PDB file of N, CA and C in Angstrom:
ATOM      1  N   MET A   1      28.440   8.017 -27.955  1.00  0.00           N
ATOM      2  CA  MET A   1      27.916   7.723 -26.479  1.00  0.00           C
ATOM      3  C   MET A   1      26.790   7.781 -26.320  1.00  0.00           C
ATOM      4  N   ARG A   2      26.062   6.625 -26.041  1.00  0.00           N
ATOM      5  CA  ARG A   2      24.637   6.514 -25.924  1.00  0.00           C
ATOM      6  C   ARG A   2      24.099   6.975 -24.614  1.00  0.00           C
ATOM      7  N   PRO A   3      22.903   7.870 -24.599  1.00  0.00           N
ATOM      8  CA  PRO A   3      22.252   8.580 -23.463  1.00  0.00           C
ATOM      9  C   PRO A   3      22.159   7.670 -22.304  1.00  0.00           C
ATOM     10  N   LEU A   4      22.397   7.813 -21.186  1.00  0.00           N
ATOM     11  CA  LEU A   4      21.963   6.833 -19.819  1.00  0.00           C
ATOM     12  C   LEU A   4      20.245   7.102 -19.868  1.00  0.00           C
ATOM     13  N   ARG A   5      19.635   5.841 -19.716  1.00  0.00           N
ATOM     14  CA  ARG A   5      18.518   5.768 -19.398  1.00  0.00           C
ATOM     15  C   ARG A   5      18.056   6.370 -17.910  1.00  0.00           C
ATOM     16  N   ASP A   6      16.892   6.975 -17.539  1.00  0.00           N
ATOM     17  CA  ASP A   6      16.725   7.320 -16.371  1.00  0.00           C
ATOM     18  C   ASP A   6      15.902   5.863 -15.619  1.00  0.00           C
ATOM     19  N   ALA A   7      15.629   5.889 -14.319  1.00  0.00           N
ATOM     20  CA  ALA A   7      15.469   4.584 -13.695  1.00  0.00           C
ATOM     21  C   ALA A   7      13.810   4.123 -14.051  1.00  0.00           C
ATOM     22  N   GLU A   8      12.779   5.713 -14.277  1.00  0.00           N
ATOM     23  CA  GLU A   8      11.507   5.520 -14.589  1.00  0.00           C
ATOM     24  C   GLU A   8      11.459   4.689 -16.008  1.00  0.00           C
ATOM     25  N   SER A   9      12.534   5.050 -17.120  1.00  0.00           N
ATOM     26  CA  SER A   9      11.774   4.491 -18.478  1.00  0.00           C
ATOM     27  C   SER A   9      12.710   3.496 -18.212  1.00  0.00           C
ATOM     28  N   SER A  10      13.226   2.589 -17.753  1.00  0.00           N
ATOM     29  CA  SER A  10      13.774   1.432 -17.617  1.00  0.00           C
ATOM     30  C   SER A  10      12.811   0.204 -16.898  1.00  0.00           C
ATOM     31  N   ASP A  11      11.814   0.872 -16.121  1.00  0.00           N
ATOM     32  CA  ASP A  11      10.908   0.039 -15.858  1.00  0.00           C
ATOM     33  C   ASP A  11       9.904  -0.504 -16.519  1.00  0.00           C
ATOM     34  N   HIS A  12       9.918   0.367 -17.658  1.00  0.00           N
ATOM     35  CA  HIS A  12       8.607  -0.004 -18.489  1.00  0.00           C
ATOM     36  C   HIS A  12       9.095  -0.551 -19.833  1.00  0.00           C
ATOM     37  N   SER A  13      10.299  -0.646 -20.022  1.00  0.00           N
ATOM     38  CA  SER A  13      11.201  -1.004 -21.398  1.00  0.00           C
ATOM     39  C   SER A  13      10.575  -2.665 -21.637  1.00  0.00           C
ATOM     40  N   PRO A  14      10.772  -2.888 -22.844  1.00  0.00           N
ATOM     41  CA  PRO A  14      10.826  -4.169 -22.921  1.00  0.00           C
ATOM     42  C   PRO A  14      11.829  -5.448 -22.427  1.00  0.00           C
ATOM     43  N   ASP A  15      12.888  -4.738 -22.561  1.00  0.00           N
ATOM     44  CA  ASP A  15      14.237  -5.503 -22.378  1.00  0.00           C
ATOM     45  C   ASP A  15      13.974  -6.002 -20.636  1.00  0.00           C
ATOM     46  N   GLY A  16      13.224  -5.013 -20.013  1.00  0.00           N
ATOM     47  CA  GLY A  16      13.170  -5.864 -18.530  1.00  0.00           C
ATOM     48  C   GLY A  16      11.792  -6.696 -18.301  1.00  0.00           C
ATOM     49  N   ALA A  17      11.423  -6.826 -18.991  1.00  0.00           N
ATOM     50  CA  ALA A  17      10.442  -7.978 -19.192  1.00  0.00           C
ATOM     51  C   ALA A  17      10.914  -9.381 -19.435  1.00  0.00           C
ATOM     52  N   ALA A  18      11.773  -9.668 -20.388  1.00  0.00           N
ATOM     53  CA  ALA A  18      12.157 -10.666 -20.840  1.00  0.00           C
ATOM     54  C   ALA A  18      12.788 -11.648 -19.579  1.00  0.00           C
ATOM     55  N   PRO A  19      13.384 -10.882 -18.706  1.00  0.00           N
ATOM     56  CA  PRO A  19      13.830 -12.051 -17.420  1.00  0.00           C
ATOM     57  C   PRO A  19      12.653 -12.287 -16.416  1.00  0.00           C
ATOM     58  N   GLN A  20      11.787 -11.191 -15.986  1.00  0.00           N
ATOM     59  CA  GLN A  20      10.513 -11.451 -15.241  1.00  0.00           C
ATOM     60  C   GLN A  20       9.619 -12.449 -16.198  1.00  0.00           C
ATOM     61  N   ARG A  21       9.439 -12.756 -17.300  1.00  0.00           N
ATOM     62  CA  ARG A  21       8.909 -13.832 -18.128  1.00  0.00           C
ATOM     63  C   ARG A  21       9.765 -14.910 -17.631  1.00  0.00           C
ATOM     64  N   ARG A  22      10.838 -14.904 -18.120  1.00  0.00           N
ATOM     65  CA  ARG A  22      11.879 -16.164 -18.121  1.00  0.00           C
ATOM     66  C   ARG A  22      11.282 -16.754 -16.590  1.00  0.00           C
ATOM     67  N   ARG A  23      11.475 -15.942 -15.412  1.00  0.00           N
ATOM     68  CA  ARG A  23      11.346 -16.470 -14.059  1.00  0.00           C
ATOM     69  C   ARG A  23       9.919 -16.742 -13.775  1.00  0.00           C
ATOM     70  N   ALA A  24       9.010 -16.287 -14.392  1.00  0.00           N
ATOM     71  CA  ALA A  24       7.640 -16.718 -14.301  1.00  0.00           C
ATOM     72  C   ALA A  24       7.442 -18.086 -14.504  1.00  0.00           C
ATOM     73  N   LEU A  25       8.079 -18.263 -16.288  1.00  0.00           N
ATOM     74  CA  LEU A  25       7.665 -19.549 -16.651  1.00  0.00           C
ATOM     75  C   LEU A  25       8.475 -20.670 -16.013  1.00  0.00           C
ATOM     76  N   LEU A  26       9.672 -20.391 -15.117  1.00  0.00           N
ATOM     77  CA  LEU A  26      10.378 -21.431 -14.636  1.00  0.00           C
ATOM     78  C   LEU A  26       9.661 -21.914 -13.619  1.00  0.00           C
ATOM     79  N   ALA A  27       8.942 -20.676 -12.640  1.00  0.00           N
ATOM     80  CA  ALA A  27       8.072 -20.962 -11.643  1.00  0.00           C
ATOM     81  C   ALA A  27       6.897 -21.980 -12.153  1.00  0.00           C
ATOM     82  N   ILE A  28       6.425 -21.638 -12.969  1.00  0.00           N
ATOM     83  CA  ILE A  28       5.280 -22.615 -13.425  1.00  0.00           C
ATOM     84  C   ILE A  28       5.721 -24.061 -13.784  1.00  0.00           C
ATOM     85  N   LEU A  29       6.848 -24.097 -14.536  1.00  0.00           N
ATOM     86  CA  LEU A  29       7.542 -25.346 -15.000  1.00  0.00           C
ATOM     87  C   LEU A  29       8.014 -26.327 -13.655  1.00  0.00           C
ATOM     88  N   VAL A  30       8.356 -25.465 -12.599  1.00  0.00           N
ATOM     89  CA  VAL A  30       8.627 -26.093 -11.433  1.00  0.00           C
ATOM     90  C   VAL A  30       7.542 -26.517 -10.558  1.00  0.00           C
ATOM     91  N   ILE A  31       6.320 -25.959 -10.737  1.00  0.00           N
ATOM     92  CA  ILE A  31       5.235 -25.918  -9.754  1.00  0.00           C
ATOM     93  C   ILE A  31       4.692 -27.344 -10.778  1.00  0.00           C
ATOM     94  N   LEU A  32       4.326 -27.081 -12.094  1.00  0.00           N
ATOM     95  CA  LEU A  32       4.222 -28.453 -12.618  1.00  0.00           C
ATOM     96  C   LEU A  32       4.766 -30.012 -12.465  1.00  0.00           C
ATOM     97  N   LEU A  33       6.029 -29.320 -12.374  1.00  0.00           N
ATOM     98  CA  LEU A  33       7.034 -30.745 -12.103  1.00  0.00           C
ATOM     99  C   LEU A  33       6.684 -31.402 -10.687  1.00  0.00           C
ATOM    100  N   LEU A  34       6.539 -30.439  -9.463  1.00  0.00           N
ATOM    101  CA  LEU A  34       6.055 -30.912  -8.421  1.00  0.00           C
ATOM    102  C   LEU A  34       4.534 -31.444  -8.440  1.00  0.00           C
ATOM    103  N   GLY A  35       3.824 -31.083  -9.002  1.00  0.00           N
ATOM    104  CA  GLY A  35       2.421 -31.434  -9.107  1.00  0.00           C
ATOM    105  C   GLY A  35       2.677 -33.046  -9.823  1.00  0.00           C
ATOM    106  N   ILE A  36       2.911 -33.420 -10.782  1.00  0.00           N
ATOM    107  CA  ILE A  36       3.199 -34.708 -11.426  1.00  0.00           C
ATOM    108  C   ILE A  36       4.137 -35.428 -10.719  1.00  0.00           C
ATOM    109  N   ALA A  37       5.060 -34.975  -9.519  1.00  0.00           N
ATOM    110  CA  ALA A  37       5.727 -35.764  -9.021  1.00  0.00           C
ATOM    111  C   ALA A  37       4.796 -36.379  -7.876  1.00  0.00           C
ATOM    112  N   GLY A  38       4.049 -35.428  -7.133  1.00  0.00           N
ATOM    113  CA  GLY A  38       2.878 -35.344  -6.185  1.00  0.00           C
ATOM    114  C   GLY A  38       2.190 -36.475  -6.492  1.00  0.00           C
ATOM    115  N   TRP A  39       1.681 -36.570  -7.861  1.00  0.00           N
ATOM    116  CA  TRP A  39       0.642 -37.232  -8.449  1.00  0.00           C
ATOM    117  C   TRP A  39       1.489 -38.730  -8.330  1.00  0.00           C
ATOM    118  N   TRP A  40       2.338 -38.696  -9.180  1.00  0.00           N
ATOM    119  CA  TRP A  40       3.223 -40.139  -9.285  1.00  0.00           C
ATOM    120  C   TRP A  40       3.382 -41.028  -8.140  1.00  0.00           C
ATOM    121  N   ILE A  41       4.097 -40.103  -6.682  1.00  0.00           N
ATOM    122  CA  ILE A  41       4.112 -40.356  -5.587  1.00  0.00           C
ATOM    123  C   ILE A  41       2.856 -40.880  -5.028  1.00  0.00           C
ATOM    124  N   SER A  42       1.654 -40.125  -5.133  1.00  0.00           N
ATOM    125  CA  SER A  42       0.541 -40.623  -4.422  1.00  0.00           C
ATOM    126  C   SER A  42      -0.165 -42.067  -5.380  1.00  0.00           C
ATOM    127  N   GLN A  43       0.006 -42.147  -6.383  1.00  0.00           N
ATOM    128  CA  GLN A  43      -0.170 -43.540  -6.961  1.00  0.00           C
ATOM    129  C   GLN A  43       0.384 -44.556  -6.959  1.00  0.00           C
ATOM    130  N   ARG A  44       1.695 -44.565  -6.489  1.00  0.00           N
ATOM    131  CA  ARG A  44       2.731 -45.443  -5.791  1.00  0.00           C
ATOM    132  C   ARG A  44       2.343 -46.023  -4.431  1.00  0.00           C
ATOM    133  N   LEU A  45       1.897 -45.095  -3.527  1.00  0.00           N
ATOM    134  CA  LEU A  45       1.737 -45.229  -2.231  1.00  0.00           C
ATOM    135  C   LEU A  45       0.193 -45.902  -2.359  1.00  0.00           C
ATOM    136  N   ARG A  46      -0.420 -45.752  -3.012  1.00  0.00           N
ATOM    137  CA  ARG A  46      -2.170 -46.097  -3.082  1.00  0.00           C
ATOM    138  C   ARG A  46      -1.964 -47.548  -3.640  1.00  0.00           C
ATOM    139  N   GLN A  47      -0.918 -47.962  -4.759  1.00  0.00           N
ATOM    140  CA  GLN A  47      -0.941 -49.197  -5.008  1.00  0.00           C
ATOM    141  C   GLN A  47      -0.210 -50.164  -3.906  1.00  0.00           C
ATOM    142  N   ALA A  48       1.016 -49.570  -3.191  1.00  0.00           N
ATOM    143  CA  ALA A  48       1.602 -50.218  -2.096  1.00  0.00           C
ATOM    144  C   ALA A  48       0.651 -50.763  -1.101  1.00  0.00           C
ATOM    145  N   SER A  49      -0.606 -49.693  -0.729  1.00  0.00           N
ATOM    146  CA  SER A  49      -1.457 -49.769   0.312  1.00  0.00           C
ATOM    147  C   SER A  49      -2.030 -50.913   0.067  1.00  0.00           C
ATOM    148  N   SER A  50      -2.620 -51.162  -1.367  1.00  0.00           N
ATOM    149  CA  SER A  50      -3.918 -52.201  -1.875  1.00  0.00           C
ATOM    150  C   SER A  50      -3.134 -53.373  -1.870  1.00  0.00           C
ATOM    151  N   ILE A  51      -1.755 -53.472  -1.900  1.00  0.00           N
ATOM    152  CA  ILE A  51      -1.213 -55.064  -2.203  1.00  0.00           C
ATOM    153  C   ILE A  51      -1.146 -55.098  -0.616  1.00  0.00           C
ATOM    154  N   GLN A  52      -0.819 -54.255   0.402  1.00  0.00           N
ATOM    155  CA  GLN A  52      -0.328 -54.361   2.230  1.00  0.00           C
ATOM    156  C   GLN A  52      -1.961 -54.753   2.536  1.00  0.00           C
ATOM    157  N   ASP A  53      -3.099 -54.362   1.657  1.00  0.00           N
ATOM    158  CA  ASP A  53      -4.222 -54.675   2.308  1.00  0.00           C
ATOM    159  C   ASP A  53      -4.759 -56.051   2.013  1.00  0.00           C
ATOM    160  N   CYS A  54      -4.334 -56.590   0.851  1.00  0.00           N
ATOM    161  CA  CYS A  54      -4.317 -57.661   0.199  1.00  0.00           C
ATOM    162  C   CYS A  54      -3.593 -58.816   1.167  1.00  0.00           C
ATOM    163  N   VAL A  55      -2.649 -58.426   1.396  1.00  0.00           N
ATOM    164  CA  VAL A  55      -1.616 -59.465   2.268  1.00  0.00           C
ATOM    165  C   VAL A  55      -2.146 -59.407   3.593  1.00  0.00           C
ATOM    166  N   MET A  56      -2.685 -58.427   4.198  1.00  0.00           N
ATOM    167  CA  MET A  56      -3.327 -58.544   5.561  1.00  0.00           C
ATOM    168  C   MET A  56      -4.495 -59.530   5.402  1.00  0.00           C
ATOM    169  N   GLN A  57      -5.098 -59.505   4.457  1.00  0.00           N
ATOM    170  CA  GLN A  57      -6.500 -60.150   4.447  1.00  0.00           C
ATOM    171  C   GLN A  57      -5.981 -62.086   4.132  1.00  0.00           C
ATOM    172  N   GLY A  58      -4.815 -62.065   4.026  1.00  0.00           N
ATOM    173  CA  GLY A  58      -4.238 -63.603   3.994  1.00  0.00           C
ATOM    174  C   GLY A  58      -4.272 -64.188   2.641  1.00  0.00           C
ATOM    175  N   ARG A  59      -4.393 -63.562   1.710  1.00  0.00           N
ATOM    176  CA  ARG A  59      -4.443 -63.927   0.140  1.00  0.00           C
ATOM    177  C   ARG A  59      -2.875 -64.032  -0.289  1.00  0.00           C
ATOM    178  N   HIS A  60      -2.906 -64.890  -1.484  1.00  0.00           N
ATOM    179  CA  HIS A  60      -1.797 -65.407  -1.648  1.00  0.00           C
ATOM    180  C   HIS A  60      -1.362 -64.689  -2.922  1.00  0.00           C
ATOM    181  N   ASN A  61      -2.281 -64.287  -3.671  1.00  0.00           N
ATOM    182  CA  ASN A  61      -1.940 -63.637  -5.225  1.00  0.00           C
ATOM    183  C   ASN A  61      -2.181 -62.122  -5.169  1.00  0.00           C
ATOM    184  N   CYS A  62      -1.640 -61.598  -4.466  1.00  0.00           N
ATOM    185  CA  CYS A  62      -1.673 -59.904  -4.096  1.00  0.00           C
ATOM    186  C   CYS A  62      -1.169 -59.089  -5.163  1.00  0.00           C
ATOM    187  N   ALA A  63       0.070 -59.519  -5.810  1.00  0.00           N
ATOM    188  CA  ALA A  63       1.133 -58.811  -6.525  1.00  0.00           C
ATOM    189  C   ALA A  63       0.138 -58.718  -7.749  1.00  0.00           C
ATOM    190  N   PRO A  64       0.329 -57.451  -8.319  1.00  0.00           N
ATOM    191  CA  PRO A  64      -0.376 -57.575  -9.670  1.00  0.00           C
ATOM    192  C   PRO A  64       0.789 -58.122 -10.771  1.00  0.00           C
ATOM    193  N   VAL A  65      -0.475 -58.624 -12.164  1.00  0.00           N
ATOM    194  CA  VAL A  65       0.540 -59.199 -12.934  1.00  0.00           C
ATOM    195  C   VAL A  65       1.441 -58.152 -13.513  1.00  0.00           C
ATOM    196  N   GLY A  66       2.388 -58.675 -13.972  1.00  0.00           N
ATOM    197  CA  GLY A  66       3.578 -57.689 -15.038  1.00  0.00           C
ATOM    198  C   GLY A  66       4.585 -57.015 -13.977  1.00  0.00           C
ATOM    199  N   ASN A  67       4.478 -57.172 -12.934  1.00  0.00           N
ATOM    200  CA  ASN A  67       5.403 -56.328 -12.011  1.00  0.00           C
ATOM    201  C   ASN A  67       6.033 -57.196 -11.464  1.00  0.00           C
TER     202      ASN A  67
END
């Protein structure tokens, strides 16, 4: 039978660091994905805004070529 660890020694064990490291990496990944999604949405909104500005000026060739 293995002896039980006391609470103080378990706080500094390498076994306790792995779940915290995983949580931190997951949080960084989520923040990164949110940043990328925000950038993508802002680019799409900017493109739609420029097309709307073009149409509001009365132009007829506003849509970008290839879309």
